Amino acid sequence: MFELDIRSRKPIYEQLVEKLKELIINDVLKGDEKLPSVRELAQQMTINPNTIQKAYRELESQGYIYSQKGKGSFVHPVEKSENKEELNKVREELKKLFAEAIYLGITTEEIQAMLREVEGGEPHD
């Protein structure tokens, strides 16, 4: 499915959360798609099942996945701008990152090029 960096300072469950969010955001994992069970993924990645469970709980609390008792975990269908609180948090975080980027010398044009790249446009060097 993907690789995790066991030498990273970032906890394994956080890496797992980031990777799964990336797959969901980039539409690799589709809405209502079933995720591997905790046990399956733990075996696949040779990770403690508790770590997988913690990542799934975090993703669920952030609204990326949902669970159905006895059936498993599924990708939450996209509901744009449904969670105003989460949107505001992301906006504030982006403002901080933009301010830091500009302070460090990244130009507005470079930021716009990165945005186009994220939106699926052509990468820009």
PDB file of N, CA and C in Angstrom:
ATOM      1  N   MET A   1       0.839  -1.202   0.000  1.00  0.00           N
ATOM      2  CA  MET A   1       0.000   0.000   0.000  1.00  0.00           C
ATOM      3  C   MET A   1       0.878   1.257   0.000  1.00  0.00           C
ATOM      4  N   PHE A   2       1.802   1.368   0.966  1.00  0.00           N
ATOM      5  CA  PHE A   2       2.724   2.493   1.048  1.00  0.00           C
ATOM      6  C   PHE A   2       3.813   2.177   2.051  1.00  0.00           C
ATOM      7  N   GLU A   3       4.826   3.013   2.067  1.00  0.00           N
ATOM      8  CA  GLU A   3       5.977   2.817   2.957  1.00  0.00           C
ATOM      9  C   GLU A   3       5.930   3.799   4.120  1.00  0.00           C
ATOM     10  N   LEU A   4       6.351   3.340   5.277  1.00  0.00           N
ATOM     11  CA  LEU A   4       6.511   4.204   6.442  1.00  0.00           C
ATOM     12  C   LEU A   4       7.986   4.227   6.811  1.00  0.00           C
ATOM     13  N   ASP A   5       8.439   5.335   7.357  1.00  0.00           N
ATOM     14  CA  ASP A   5       9.843   5.487   7.730  1.00  0.00           C
ATOM     15  C   ASP A   5      10.013   5.188   9.219  1.00  0.00           C
ATOM     16  N   ILE A   6      10.508   3.985   9.515  1.00  0.00           N
ATOM     17  CA  ILE A   6      10.638   3.597  10.918  1.00  0.00           C
ATOM     18  C   ILE A   6      11.737   4.376  11.641  1.00  0.00           C
ATOM     19  N   ARG A   7      12.626   5.026  10.876  1.00  0.00           N
ATOM     20  CA  ARG A   7      13.690   5.822  11.491  1.00  0.00           C
ATOM     21  C   ARG A   7      13.268   7.261  11.747  1.00  0.00           C
ATOM     22  N   SER A   8      12.102   7.631  11.248  1.00  0.00           N
ATOM     23  CA  SER A   8      11.608   8.997  11.417  1.00  0.00           C
ATOM     24  C   SER A   8      11.305   9.279  12.886  1.00  0.00           C
ATOM     25  N   ARG A   9      11.424  10.539  13.250  1.00  0.00           N
ATOM     26  CA  ARG A   9      11.056  10.953  14.613  1.00  0.00           C
ATOM     27  C   ARG A   9       9.549  10.991  14.777  1.00  0.00           C
ATOM     28  N   LYS A  10       8.845  11.093  13.657  1.00  0.00           N
ATOM     29  CA  LYS A  10       7.380  11.162  13.701  1.00  0.00           C
ATOM     30  C   LYS A  10       6.831   9.771  14.040  1.00  0.00           C
ATOM     31  N   PRO A  11       5.922   9.690  15.002  1.00  0.00           N
ATOM     32  CA  PRO A  11       5.351   8.394  15.383  1.00  0.00           C
ATOM     33  C   PRO A  11       4.726   7.664  14.179  1.00  0.00           C
ATOM     34  N   ILE A  12       4.792   6.343  14.214  1.00  0.00           N
ATOM     35  CA  ILE A  12       4.278   5.511  13.124  1.00  0.00           C
ATOM     36  C   ILE A  12       2.798   5.806  12.856  1.00  0.00           C
ATOM     37  N   TYR A  13       1.990   5.945  13.924  1.00  0.00           N
ATOM     38  CA  TYR A  13       0.562   6.170  13.709  1.00  0.00           C
ATOM     39  C   TYR A  13       0.315   7.499  12.987  1.00  0.00           C
ATOM     40  N   GLU A  14       1.133   8.530  13.277  1.00  0.00           N
ATOM     41  CA  GLU A  14       0.980   9.825  12.595  1.00  0.00           C
ATOM     42  C   GLU A  14       1.352   9.696  11.121  1.00  0.00           C
ATOM     43  N   GLN A  15       2.406   8.935  10.833  1.00  0.00           N
ATOM     44  CA  GLN A  15       2.795   8.703   9.440  1.00  0.00           C
ATOM     45  C   GLN A  15       1.662   7.983   8.714  1.00  0.00           C
ATOM     46  N   LEU A  16       1.074   7.001   9.381  1.00  0.00           N
ATOM     47  CA  LEU A  16      -0.024   6.235   8.794  1.00  0.00           C
ATOM     48  C   LEU A  16      -1.225   7.140   8.513  1.00  0.00           C
ATOM     49  N   VAL A  17      -1.545   8.009   9.474  1.00  0.00           N
ATOM     50  CA  VAL A  17      -2.655   8.960   9.299  1.00  0.00           C
ATOM     51  C   VAL A  17      -2.382   9.840   8.080  1.00  0.00           C
ATOM     52  N   GLU A  18      -1.161  10.395   7.985  1.00  0.00           N
ATOM     53  CA  GLU A  18      -0.811  11.264   6.856  1.00  0.00           C
ATOM     54  C   GLU A  18      -0.920  10.535   5.523  1.00  0.00           C
ATOM     55  N   LYS A  19      -0.394   9.310   5.459  1.00  0.00           N
ATOM     56  CA  LYS A  19      -0.419   8.536   4.207  1.00  0.00           C
ATOM     57  C   LYS A  19      -1.854   8.229   3.789  1.00  0.00           C
ATOM     58  N   LEU A  20      -2.679   7.816   4.739  1.00  0.00           N
ATOM     59  CA  LEU A  20      -4.074   7.500   4.399  1.00  0.00           C
ATOM     60  C   LEU A  20      -4.835   8.753   3.989  1.00  0.00           C
ATOM     61  N   LYS A  21      -4.585   9.883   4.677  1.00  0.00           N
ATOM     62  CA  LYS A  21      -5.226  11.143   4.288  1.00  0.00           C
ATOM     63  C   LYS A  21      -4.835  11.515   2.857  1.00  0.00           C
ATOM     64  N   GLU A  22      -3.546  11.341   2.553  1.00  0.00           N
ATOM     65  CA  GLU A  22      -3.050  11.639   1.213  1.00  0.00           C
ATOM     66  C   GLU A  22      -3.782  10.785   0.168  1.00  0.00           C
ATOM     67  N   LEU A  23      -3.949   9.494   0.441  1.00  0.00           N
ATOM     68  CA  LEU A  23      -4.647   8.599  -0.488  1.00  0.00           C
ATOM     69  C   LEU A  23      -6.117   8.995  -0.648  1.00  0.00           C
ATOM     70  N   ILE A  24      -6.731   9.442   0.439  1.00  0.00           N
ATOM     71  CA  ILE A  24      -8.138   9.858   0.384  1.00  0.00           C
ATOM     72  C   ILE A  24      -8.260  11.183  -0.372  1.00  0.00           C
ATOM     73  N   ILE A  25      -7.406  12.149  -0.035  1.00  0.00           N
ATOM     74  CA  ILE A  25      -7.455  13.470  -0.670  1.00  0.00           C
ATOM     75  C   ILE A  25      -7.190  13.364  -2.170  1.00  0.00           C
ATOM     76  N   ASN A  26      -6.249  12.506  -2.554  1.00  0.00           N
ATOM     77  CA  ASN A  26      -5.910  12.343  -3.972  1.00  0.00           C
ATOM     78  C   ASN A  26      -6.831  11.362  -4.692  1.00  0.00           C
ATOM     79  N   ASP A  27      -7.909  10.965  -4.027  1.00  0.00           N
ATOM     80  CA  ASP A  27      -8.938  10.118  -4.616  1.00  0.00           C
ATOM     81  C   ASP A  27      -8.438   8.729  -5.010  1.00  0.00           C
ATOM     82  N   VAL A  28      -7.348   8.284  -4.394  1.00  0.00           N
ATOM     83  CA  VAL A  28      -6.883   6.912  -4.616  1.00  0.00           C
ATOM     84  C   VAL A  28      -7.831   5.983  -3.860  1.00  0.00           C
ATOM     85  N   LEU A  29      -8.192   6.398  -2.645  1.00  0.00           N
ATOM     86  CA  LEU A  29      -9.224   5.705  -1.881  1.00  0.00           C
ATOM     87  C   LEU A  29     -10.511   6.505  -2.062  1.00  0.00           C
ATOM     88  N   LYS A  30     -11.533   5.863  -2.568  1.00  0.00           N
ATOM     89  CA  LYS A  30     -12.795   6.538  -2.901  1.00  0.00           C
ATOM     90  C   LYS A  30     -13.784   6.518  -1.738  1.00  0.00           C
ATOM     91  N   GLY A  31     -14.765   7.402  -1.807  1.00  0.00           N
ATOM     92  CA  GLY A  31     -15.817   7.461  -0.800  1.00  0.00           C
ATOM     93  C   GLY A  31     -16.507   6.123  -0.644  1.00  0.00           C
ATOM     94  N   ASP A  32     -16.752   5.720   0.600  1.00  0.00           N
ATOM     95  CA  ASP A  32     -17.402   4.467   0.982  1.00  0.00           C
ATOM     96  C   ASP A  32     -16.571   3.218   0.679  1.00  0.00           C
ATOM     97  N   GLU A  33     -15.312   3.412   0.235  1.00  0.00           N
ATOM     98  CA  GLU A  33     -14.436   2.251   0.002  1.00  0.00           C
ATOM     99  C   GLU A  33     -14.009   1.682   1.351  1.00  0.00           C
ATOM    100  N   LYS A  34     -14.026   0.348   1.434  1.00  0.00           N
ATOM    101  CA  LYS A  34     -13.650  -0.327   2.676  1.00  0.00           C
ATOM    102  C   LYS A  34     -12.129  -0.310   2.824  1.00  0.00           C
ATOM    103  N   LEU A  35     -11.670   0.070   4.019  1.00  0.00           N
ATOM    104  CA  LEU A  35     -10.243   0.035   4.326  1.00  0.00           C
ATOM    105  C   LEU A  35      -9.879  -1.373   4.798  1.00  0.00           C
ATOM    106  N   PRO A  36      -8.604  -1.745   4.675  1.00  0.00           N
ATOM    107  CA  PRO A  36      -8.209  -3.052   5.213  1.00  0.00           C
ATOM    108  C   PRO A  36      -8.500  -3.100   6.711  1.00  0.00           C
ATOM    109  N   SER A  37      -8.816  -4.290   7.211  1.00  0.00           N
ATOM    110  CA  SER A  37      -9.066  -4.413   8.652  1.00  0.00           C
ATOM    111  C   SER A  37      -7.782  -4.097   9.402  1.00  0.00           C
ATOM    112  N   VAL A  38      -7.927  -3.783  10.668  1.00  0.00           N
ATOM    113  CA  VAL A  38      -6.770  -3.477  11.509  1.00  0.00           C
ATOM    114  C   VAL A  38      -5.798  -4.648  11.467  1.00  0.00           C
ATOM    115  N   ARG A  39      -6.309  -5.849  11.618  1.00  0.00           N
ATOM    116  CA  ARG A  39      -5.463  -7.049  11.628  1.00  0.00           C
ATOM    117  C   ARG A  39      -4.746  -7.245  10.289  1.00  0.00           C
ATOM    118  N   GLU A  40      -5.505  -7.085   9.187  1.00  0.00           N
ATOM    119  CA  GLU A  40      -4.920  -7.225   7.836  1.00  0.00           C
ATOM    120  C   GLU A  40      -3.764  -6.250   7.630  1.00  0.00           C
ATOM    121  N   LEU A  41      -4.030  -4.972   7.916  1.00  0.00           N
ATOM    122  CA  LEU A  41      -3.028  -3.936   7.694  1.00  0.00           C
ATOM    123  C   LEU A  41      -1.822  -4.129   8.620  1.00  0.00           C
ATOM    124  N   ALA A  42      -2.082  -4.556   9.845  1.00  0.00           N
ATOM    125  CA  ALA A  42      -0.989  -4.808  10.791  1.00  0.00           C
ATOM    126  C   ALA A  42      -0.079  -5.914  10.257  1.00  0.00           C
ATOM    127  N   GLN A  43      -0.666  -6.973   9.706  1.00  0.00           N
ATOM    128  CA  GLN A  43       0.123  -8.064   9.139  1.00  0.00           C
ATOM    129  C   GLN A  43       0.874  -7.610   7.893  1.00  0.00           C
ATOM    130  N   GLN A  44       0.176  -6.896   7.020  1.00  0.00           N
ATOM    131  CA  GLN A  44       0.769  -6.396   5.773  1.00  0.00           C
ATOM    132  C   GLN A  44       1.989  -5.537   6.038  1.00  0.00           C
ATOM    133  N   MET A  45       1.877  -4.649   7.010  1.00  0.00           N
ATOM    134  CA  MET A  45       2.922  -3.664   7.254  1.00  0.00           C
ATOM    135  C   MET A  45       3.830  -4.044   8.418  1.00  0.00           C
ATOM    136  N   THR A  46       3.572  -5.193   9.016  1.00  0.00           N
ATOM    137  CA  THR A  46       4.290  -5.640  10.221  1.00  0.00           C
ATOM    138  C   THR A  46       4.371  -4.531  11.280  1.00  0.00           C
ATOM    139  N   ILE A  47       3.190  -4.049  11.629  1.00  0.00           N
ATOM    140  CA  ILE A  47       3.027  -2.997  12.639  1.00  0.00           C
ATOM    141  C   ILE A  47       2.071  -3.539  13.698  1.00  0.00           C
ATOM    142  N   ASN A  48       2.245  -3.097  14.912  1.00  0.00           N
ATOM    143  CA  ASN A  48       1.357  -3.479  16.004  1.00  0.00           C
ATOM    144  C   ASN A  48      -0.084  -3.046  15.674  1.00  0.00           C
ATOM    145  N   PRO A  49      -1.060  -3.956  15.827  1.00  0.00           N
ATOM    146  CA  PRO A  49      -2.463  -3.606  15.545  1.00  0.00           C
ATOM    147  C   PRO A  49      -2.956  -2.387  16.333  1.00  0.00           C
ATOM    148  N   ASN A  50      -2.428  -2.181  17.536  1.00  0.00           N
ATOM    149  CA  ASN A  50      -2.847  -1.010  18.327  1.00  0.00           C
ATOM    150  C   ASN A  50      -2.468   0.293  17.626  1.00  0.00           C
ATOM    151  N   THR A  51      -1.356   0.279  16.901  1.00  0.00           N
ATOM    152  CA  THR A  51      -0.907   1.461  16.156  1.00  0.00           C
ATOM    153  C   THR A  51      -1.886   1.752  15.025  1.00  0.00           C
ATOM    154  N   ILE A  52      -2.295   0.706  14.321  1.00  0.00           N
ATOM    155  CA  ILE A  52      -3.274   0.851  13.231  1.00  0.00           C
ATOM    156  C   ILE A  52      -4.590   1.377  13.805  1.00  0.00           C
ATOM    157  N   GLN A  53      -5.022   0.781  14.915  1.00  0.00           N
ATOM    158  CA  GLN A  53      -6.276   1.192  15.549  1.00  0.00           C
ATOM    159  C   GLN A  53      -6.233   2.665  15.940  1.00  0.00           C
ATOM    160  N   LYS A  54      -5.103   3.110  16.474  1.00  0.00           N
ATOM    161  CA  LYS A  54      -4.945   4.509  16.888  1.00  0.00           C
ATOM    162  C   LYS A  54      -5.045   5.433  15.665  1.00  0.00           C
ATOM    163  N   ALA A  55      -4.417   5.037  14.560  1.00  0.00           N
ATOM    164  CA  ALA A  55      -4.473   5.834  13.332  1.00  0.00           C
ATOM    165  C   ALA A  55      -5.911   5.895  12.809  1.00  0.00           C
ATOM    166  N   TYR A  56      -6.600   4.762  12.808  1.00  0.00           N
ATOM    167  CA  TYR A  56      -7.992   4.732  12.335  1.00  0.00           C
ATOM    168  C   TYR A  56      -8.873   5.620  13.216  1.00  0.00           C
ATOM    169  N   ARG A  57      -8.667   5.569  14.539  1.00  0.00           N
ATOM    170  CA  ARG A  57      -9.455   6.424  15.445  1.00  0.00           C
ATOM    171  C   ARG A  57      -9.217   7.897  15.139  1.00  0.00           C
ATOM    172  N   GLU A  58      -7.948   8.248  14.900  1.00  0.00           N
ATOM    173  CA  GLU A  58      -7.597   9.637  14.581  1.00  0.00           C
ATOM    174  C   GLU A  58      -8.266  10.070  13.276  1.00  0.00           C
ATOM    175  N   LEU A  59      -8.203   9.221  12.258  1.00  0.00           N
ATOM    176  CA  LEU A  59      -8.826   9.535  10.962  1.00  0.00           C
ATOM    177  C   LEU A  59     -10.343   9.681  11.116  1.00  0.00           C
ATOM    178  N   GLU A  60     -10.921   8.861  11.967  1.00  0.00           N
ATOM    179  CA  GLU A  60     -12.358   8.942  12.191  1.00  0.00           C
ATOM    180  C   GLU A  60     -12.717  10.246  12.907  1.00  0.00           C
ATOM    181  N   SER A  61     -11.908  10.632  13.893  1.00  0.00           N
ATOM    182  CA  SER A  61     -12.194  11.872  14.624  1.00  0.00           C
ATOM    183  C   SER A  61     -12.036  13.093  13.718  1.00  0.00           C
ATOM    184  N   GLN A  62     -11.173  12.976  12.699  1.00  0.00           N
ATOM    185  CA  GLN A  62     -10.983  14.077  11.754  1.00  0.00           C
ATOM    186  C   GLN A  62     -11.996  14.045  10.606  1.00  0.00           C
ATOM    187  N   GLY A  63     -12.830  13.009  10.556  1.00  0.00           N
ATOM    188  CA  GLY A  63     -13.878  12.938   9.546  1.00  0.00           C
ATOM    189  C   GLY A  63     -13.461  12.326   8.211  1.00  0.00           C
ATOM    190  N   TYR A  64     -12.301  11.685   8.156  1.00  0.00           N
ATOM    191  CA  TYR A  64     -11.846  11.082   6.902  1.00  0.00           C
ATOM    192  C   TYR A  64     -12.411   9.687   6.687  1.00  0.00           C
ATOM    193  N   ILE A  65     -12.688   8.983   7.779  1.00  0.00           N
ATOM    194  CA  ILE A  65     -13.253   7.642   7.663  1.00  0.00           C
ATOM    195  C   ILE A  65     -14.386   7.487   8.665  1.00  0.00           C
ATOM    196  N   TYR A  66     -15.173   6.421   8.503  1.00  0.00           N
ATOM    197  CA  TYR A  66     -16.221   6.087   9.463  1.00  0.00           C
ATOM    198  C   TYR A  66     -16.199   4.578   9.661  1.00  0.00           C
ATOM    199  N   SER A  67     -16.711   4.132  10.790  1.00  0.00           N
ATOM    200  CA  SER A  67     -16.725   2.709  11.107  1.00  0.00           C
ATOM    201  C   SER A  67     -18.152   2.201  11.188  1.00  0.00           C
ATOM    202  N   GLN A  68     -18.318   0.942  10.815  1.00  0.00           N
ATOM    203  CA  GLN A  68     -19.603   0.269  10.988  1.00  0.00           C
ATOM    204  C   GLN A  68     -19.325  -0.990  11.795  1.00  0.00           C
ATOM    205  N   LYS A  69     -19.985  -1.105  12.909  1.00  0.00           N
ATOM    206  CA  LYS A  69     -19.751  -2.230  13.812  1.00  0.00           C
ATOM    207  C   LYS A  69     -19.898  -3.563  13.067  1.00  0.00           C
ATOM    208  N   GLY A  70     -18.870  -4.378  13.182  1.00  0.00           N
ATOM    209  CA  GLY A  70     -18.888  -5.697  12.554  1.00  0.00           C
ATOM    210  C   GLY A  70     -18.556  -5.707  11.077  1.00  0.00           C
ATOM    211  N   LYS A  71     -18.454  -4.535  10.448  1.00  0.00           N
ATOM    212  CA  LYS A  71     -18.176  -4.467   9.011  1.00  0.00           C
ATOM    213  C   LYS A  71     -16.825  -3.868   8.691  1.00  0.00           C
ATOM    214  N   GLY A  72     -16.342  -2.960   9.532  1.00  0.00           N
ATOM    215  CA  GLY A  72     -15.029  -2.366   9.312  1.00  0.00           C
ATOM    216  C   GLY A  72     -15.055  -0.860   9.177  1.00  0.00           C
ATOM    217  N   SER A  73     -13.961  -0.342   8.630  1.00  0.00           N
ATOM    218  CA  SER A  73     -13.799   1.103   8.443  1.00  0.00           C
ATOM    219  C   SER A  73     -13.881   1.440   6.961  1.00  0.00           C
ATOM    220  N   PHE A  74     -14.480   2.581   6.665  1.00  0.00           N
ATOM    221  CA  PHE A  74     -14.711   3.001   5.292  1.00  0.00           C
ATOM    222  C   PHE A  74     -14.318   4.454   5.106  1.00  0.00           C
ATOM    223  N   VAL A  75     -13.963   4.808   3.869  1.00  0.00           N
ATOM    224  CA  VAL A  75     -13.626   6.196   3.541  1.00  0.00           C
ATOM    225  C   VAL A  75     -14.912   7.011   3.544  1.00  0.00           C
ATOM    226  N   HIS A  76     -14.857   8.133   4.231  1.00  0.00           N
ATOM    227  CA  HIS A  76     -16.017   9.034   4.281  1.00  0.00           C
ATOM    228  C   HIS A  76     -16.191   9.691   2.911  1.00  0.00           C
ATOM    229  N   PRO A  77     -17.396   9.647   2.323  1.00  0.00           N
ATOM    230  CA  PRO A  77     -17.604  10.344   1.055  1.00  0.00           C
ATOM    231  C   PRO A  77     -17.324  11.836   1.216  1.00  0.00           C
ATOM    232  N   VAL A  78     -16.816  12.460   0.177  1.00  0.00           N
ATOM    233  CA  VAL A  78     -16.439  13.870   0.230  1.00  0.00           C
ATOM    234  C   VAL A  78     -17.679  14.734   0.351  1.00  0.00           C
ATOM    235  N   GLU A  79     -17.650  15.590   1.346  1.00  0.00           N
ATOM    236  CA  GLU A  79     -18.723  16.571   1.546  1.00  0.00           C
ATOM    237  C   GLU A  79     -18.038  17.917   1.693  1.00  0.00           C
ATOM    238  N   LYS A  80     -17.779  18.559   0.577  1.00  0.00           N
ATOM    239  CA  LYS A  80     -17.037  19.824   0.573  1.00  0.00           C
ATOM    240  C   LYS A  80     -17.693  20.843   1.497  1.00  0.00           C
ATOM    241  N   SER A  81     -16.847  21.547   2.227  1.00  0.00           N
ATOM    242  CA  SER A  81     -17.219  22.633   3.139  1.00  0.00           C
ATOM    243  C   SER A  81     -18.306  22.256   4.135  1.00  0.00           C
ATOM    244  N   GLU A  82     -18.415  20.975   4.459  1.00  0.00           N
ATOM    245  CA  GLU A  82     -19.398  20.523   5.434  1.00  0.00           C
ATOM    246  C   GLU A  82     -18.967  20.903   6.850  1.00  0.00           C
ATOM    247  N   ASN A  83     -17.675  20.750   7.138  1.00  0.00           N
ATOM    248  CA  ASN A  83     -17.173  20.994   8.480  1.00  0.00           C
ATOM    249  C   ASN A  83     -16.504  22.368   8.554  1.00  0.00           C
ATOM    250  N   LYS A  84     -17.265  23.363   8.920  1.00  0.00           N
ATOM    251  CA  LYS A  84     -16.777  24.743   8.940  1.00  0.00           C
ATOM    252  C   LYS A  84     -15.610  24.918   9.915  1.00  0.00           C
ATOM    253  N   GLU A  85     -15.677  24.254  11.053  1.00  0.00           N
ATOM    254  CA  GLU A  85     -14.617  24.370  12.052  1.00  0.00           C
ATOM    255  C   GLU A  85     -13.294  23.841  11.489  1.00  0.00           C
ATOM    256  N   GLU A  86     -13.346  22.695  10.836  1.00  0.00           N
ATOM    257  CA  GLU A  86     -12.136  22.100  10.240  1.00  0.00           C
ATOM    258  C   GLU A  86     -11.609  22.995   9.115  1.00  0.00           C
ATOM    259  N   LEU A  87     -12.501  23.547   8.307  1.00  0.00           N
ATOM    260  CA  LEU A  87     -12.097  24.454   7.233  1.00  0.00           C
ATOM    261  C   LEU A  87     -11.388  25.689   7.790  1.00  0.00           C
ATOM    262  N   ASN A  88     -11.927  26.238   8.844  1.00  0.00           N
ATOM    263  CA  ASN A  88     -11.305  27.421   9.444  1.00  0.00           C
ATOM    264  C   ASN A  88      -9.922  27.099  10.001  1.00  0.00           C
ATOM    265  N   LYS A  89      -9.774  25.908  10.593  1.00  0.00           N
ATOM    266  CA  LYS A  89      -8.472  25.485  11.104  1.00  0.00           C
ATOM    267  C   LYS A  89      -7.456  25.392   9.967  1.00  0.00           C
ATOM    268  N   VAL A  90      -7.886  24.804   8.851  1.00  0.00           N
ATOM    269  CA  VAL A  90      -6.999  24.657   7.692  1.00  0.00           C
ATOM    270  C   VAL A  90      -6.636  26.028   7.139  1.00  0.00           C
ATOM    271  N   ARG A  91      -7.614  26.927   7.053  1.00  0.00           N
ATOM    272  CA  ARG A  91      -7.341  28.285   6.553  1.00  0.00           C
ATOM    273  C   ARG A  91      -6.287  28.985   7.415  1.00  0.00           C
ATOM    274  N   GLU A  92      -6.448  28.890   8.733  1.00  0.00           N
ATOM    275  CA  GLU A  92      -5.505  29.539   9.650  1.00  0.00           C
ATOM    276  C   GLU A  92      -4.106  28.938   9.503  1.00  0.00           C
ATOM    277  N   GLU A  93      -4.045  27.623   9.376  1.00  0.00           N
ATOM    278  CA  GLU A  93      -2.757  26.944   9.214  1.00  0.00           C
ATOM    279  C   GLU A  93      -2.100  27.368   7.896  1.00  0.00           C
ATOM    280  N   LEU A  94      -2.897  27.460   6.835  1.00  0.00           N
ATOM    281  CA  LEU A  94      -2.361  27.904   5.540  1.00  0.00           C
ATOM    282  C   LEU A  94      -1.816  29.324   5.620  1.00  0.00           C
ATOM    283  N   LYS A  95      -2.543  30.210   6.311  1.00  0.00           N
ATOM    284  CA  LYS A  95      -2.069  31.592   6.466  1.00  0.00           C
ATOM    285  C   LYS A  95      -0.701  31.616   7.136  1.00  0.00           C
ATOM    286  N   LYS A  96      -0.547  30.822   8.206  1.00  0.00           N
ATOM    287  CA  LYS A  96       0.733  30.771   8.912  1.00  0.00           C
ATOM    288  C   LYS A  96       1.830  30.252   7.983  1.00  0.00           C
ATOM    289  N   LEU A  97       1.510  29.191   7.244  1.00  0.00           N
ATOM    290  CA  LEU A  97       2.509  28.610   6.338  1.00  0.00           C
ATOM    291  C   LEU A  97       2.876  29.587   5.222  1.00  0.00           C
ATOM    292  N   PHE A  98       1.887  30.283   4.668  1.00  0.00           N
ATOM    293  CA  PHE A  98       2.172  31.272   3.615  1.00  0.00           C
ATOM    294  C   PHE A  98       3.061  32.388   4.159  1.00  0.00           C
ATOM    295  N   ALA A  99       2.740  32.877   5.355  1.00  0.00           N
ATOM    296  CA  ALA A  99       3.543  33.950   5.963  1.00  0.00           C
ATOM    297  C   ALA A  99       4.980  33.488   6.158  1.00  0.00           C
ATOM    298  N   GLU A 100       5.156  32.273   6.649  1.00  0.00           N
ATOM    299  CA  GLU A 100       6.502  31.736   6.862  1.00  0.00           C
ATOM    300  C   GLU A 100       7.231  31.559   5.530  1.00  0.00           C
ATOM    301  N   ALA A 101       6.526  31.045   4.522  1.00  0.00           N
ATOM    302  CA  ALA A 101       7.135  30.833   3.204  1.00  0.00           C
ATOM    303  C   ALA A 101       7.602  32.156   2.605  1.00  0.00           C
ATOM    304  N   ILE A 102       6.758  33.177   2.676  1.00  0.00           N
ATOM    305  CA  ILE A 102       7.104  34.492   2.133  1.00  0.00           C
ATOM    306  C   ILE A 102       8.282  35.080   2.904  1.00  0.00           C
ATOM    307  N   TYR A 103       8.274  34.926   4.220  1.00  0.00           N
ATOM    308  CA  TYR A 103       9.379  35.407   5.051  1.00  0.00           C
ATOM    309  C   TYR A 103      10.694  34.742   4.643  1.00  0.00           C
ATOM    310  N   LEU A 104      10.624  33.453   4.313  1.00  0.00           N
ATOM    311  CA  LEU A 104      11.830  32.703   3.944  1.00  0.00           C
ATOM    312  C   LEU A 104      12.236  32.904   2.482  1.00  0.00           C
ATOM    313  N   GLY A 105      11.452  33.692   1.742  1.00  0.00           N
ATOM    314  CA  GLY A 105      11.864  34.053   0.385  1.00  0.00           C
ATOM    315  C   GLY A 105      11.147  33.361  -0.755  1.00  0.00           C
ATOM    316  N   ILE A 106      10.122  32.582  -0.462  1.00  0.00           N
ATOM    317  CA  ILE A 106       9.357  31.962  -1.547  1.00  0.00           C
ATOM    318  C   ILE A 106       8.444  33.031  -2.135  1.00  0.00           C
ATOM    319  N   THR A 107       8.451  33.146  -3.455  1.00  0.00           N
ATOM    320  CA  THR A 107       7.662  34.186  -4.114  1.00  0.00           C
ATOM    321  C   THR A 107       6.201  33.764  -4.249  1.00  0.00           C
ATOM    322  N   THR A 108       5.350  34.750  -4.465  1.00  0.00           N
ATOM    323  CA  THR A 108       3.931  34.493  -4.688  1.00  0.00           C
ATOM    324  C   THR A 108       3.749  33.591  -5.902  1.00  0.00           C
ATOM    325  N   GLU A 109       4.561  33.823  -6.940  1.00  0.00           N
ATOM    326  CA  GLU A 109       4.478  33.008  -8.150  1.00  0.00           C
ATOM    327  C   GLU A 109       4.796  31.544  -7.849  1.00  0.00           C
ATOM    328  N   GLU A 110       5.800  31.320  -6.998  1.00  0.00           N
ATOM    329  CA  GLU A 110       6.156  29.946  -6.629  1.00  0.00           C
ATOM    330  C   GLU A 110       5.022  29.284  -5.839  1.00  0.00           C
ATOM    331  N   ILE A 111       4.398  30.053  -4.955  1.00  0.00           N
ATOM    332  CA  ILE A 111       3.266  29.521  -4.185  1.00  0.00           C
ATOM    333  C   ILE A 111       2.120  29.177  -5.128  1.00  0.00           C
ATOM    334  N   GLN A 112       1.838  30.066  -6.095  1.00  0.00           N
ATOM    335  CA  GLN A 112       0.767  29.802  -7.055  1.00  0.00           C
ATOM    336  C   GLN A 112       1.075  28.565  -7.902  1.00  0.00           C
ATOM    337  N   ALA A 113       2.350  28.395  -8.275  1.00  0.00           N
ATOM    338  CA  ALA A 113       2.752  27.228  -9.055  1.00  0.00           C
ATOM    339  C   ALA A 113       2.542  25.945  -8.246  1.00  0.00           C
ATOM    340  N   MET A 114       2.874  26.007  -6.948  1.00  0.00           N
ATOM    341  CA  MET A 114       2.660  24.840  -6.090  1.00  0.00           C
ATOM    342  C   MET A 114       1.174  24.513  -5.980  1.00  0.00           C
ATOM    343  N   LEU A 115       0.355  25.548  -5.870  1.00  0.00           N
ATOM    344  CA  LEU A 115      -1.092  25.351  -5.785  1.00  0.00           C
ATOM    345  C   LEU A 115      -1.613  24.692  -7.062  1.00  0.00           C
ATOM    346  N   ARG A 116      -1.153  25.185  -8.222  1.00  0.00           N
ATOM    347  CA  ARG A 116      -1.562  24.570  -9.497  1.00  0.00           C
ATOM    348  C   ARG A 116      -1.156  23.102  -9.550  1.00  0.00           C
ATOM    349  N   GLU A 117       0.039  22.811  -9.044  1.00  0.00           N
ATOM    350  CA  GLU A 117       0.530  21.429  -9.029  1.00  0.00           C
ATOM    351  C   GLU A 117      -0.371  20.548  -8.164  1.00  0.00           C
ATOM    352  N   VAL A 118      -0.759  21.060  -7.003  1.00  0.00           N
ATOM    353  CA  VAL A 118      -1.625  20.307  -6.093  1.00  0.00           C
ATOM    354  C   VAL A 118      -3.003  20.098  -6.737  1.00  0.00           C
ATOM    355  N   GLU A 119      -3.474  21.112  -7.453  1.00  0.00           N
ATOM    356  CA  GLU A 119      -4.784  21.011  -8.114  1.00  0.00           C
ATOM    357  C   GLU A 119      -4.758  20.050  -9.299  1.00  0.00           C
ATOM    358  N   GLY A 120      -3.557  19.604  -9.677  1.00  0.00           N
ATOM    359  CA  GLY A 120      -3.487  18.648 -10.779  1.00  0.00           C
ATOM    360  C   GLY A 120      -2.957  19.252 -12.052  1.00  0.00           C
ATOM    361  N   GLY A 121      -2.506  20.497 -11.972  1.00  0.00           N
ATOM    362  CA  GLY A 121      -1.922  21.127 -13.152  1.00  0.00           C
ATOM    363  C   GLY A 121      -0.506  20.651 -13.380  1.00  0.00           C
ATOM    364  N   GLU A 122       0.200  21.354 -14.212  1.00  0.00           N
ATOM    365  CA  GLU A 122       1.572  20.986 -14.530  1.00  0.00           C
ATOM    366  C   GLU A 122       2.507  21.362 -13.388  1.00  0.00           C
ATOM    367  N   PRO A 123       3.440  20.440 -13.048  1.00  0.00           N
ATOM    368  CA  PRO A 123       4.442  20.799 -12.042  1.00  0.00           C
ATOM    369  C   PRO A 123       5.332  21.928 -12.548  1.00  0.00           C
ATOM    370  N   HIS A 124       5.802  22.746 -11.629  1.00  0.00           N
ATOM    371  CA  HIS A 124       6.607  23.901 -12.002  1.00  0.00           C
ATOM    372  C   HIS A 124       7.877  23.886 -11.179  1.00  0.00           C
ATOM    373  N   ASP A 125       9.023  24.127 -11.819  1.00  0.00           N
ATOM    374  CA  ASP A 125      10.296  24.137 -11.083  1.00  0.00           C
ATOM    375  C   ASP A 125      10.690  25.523 -10.665  1.00  0.00           C
TER     376      ASP A 125
END
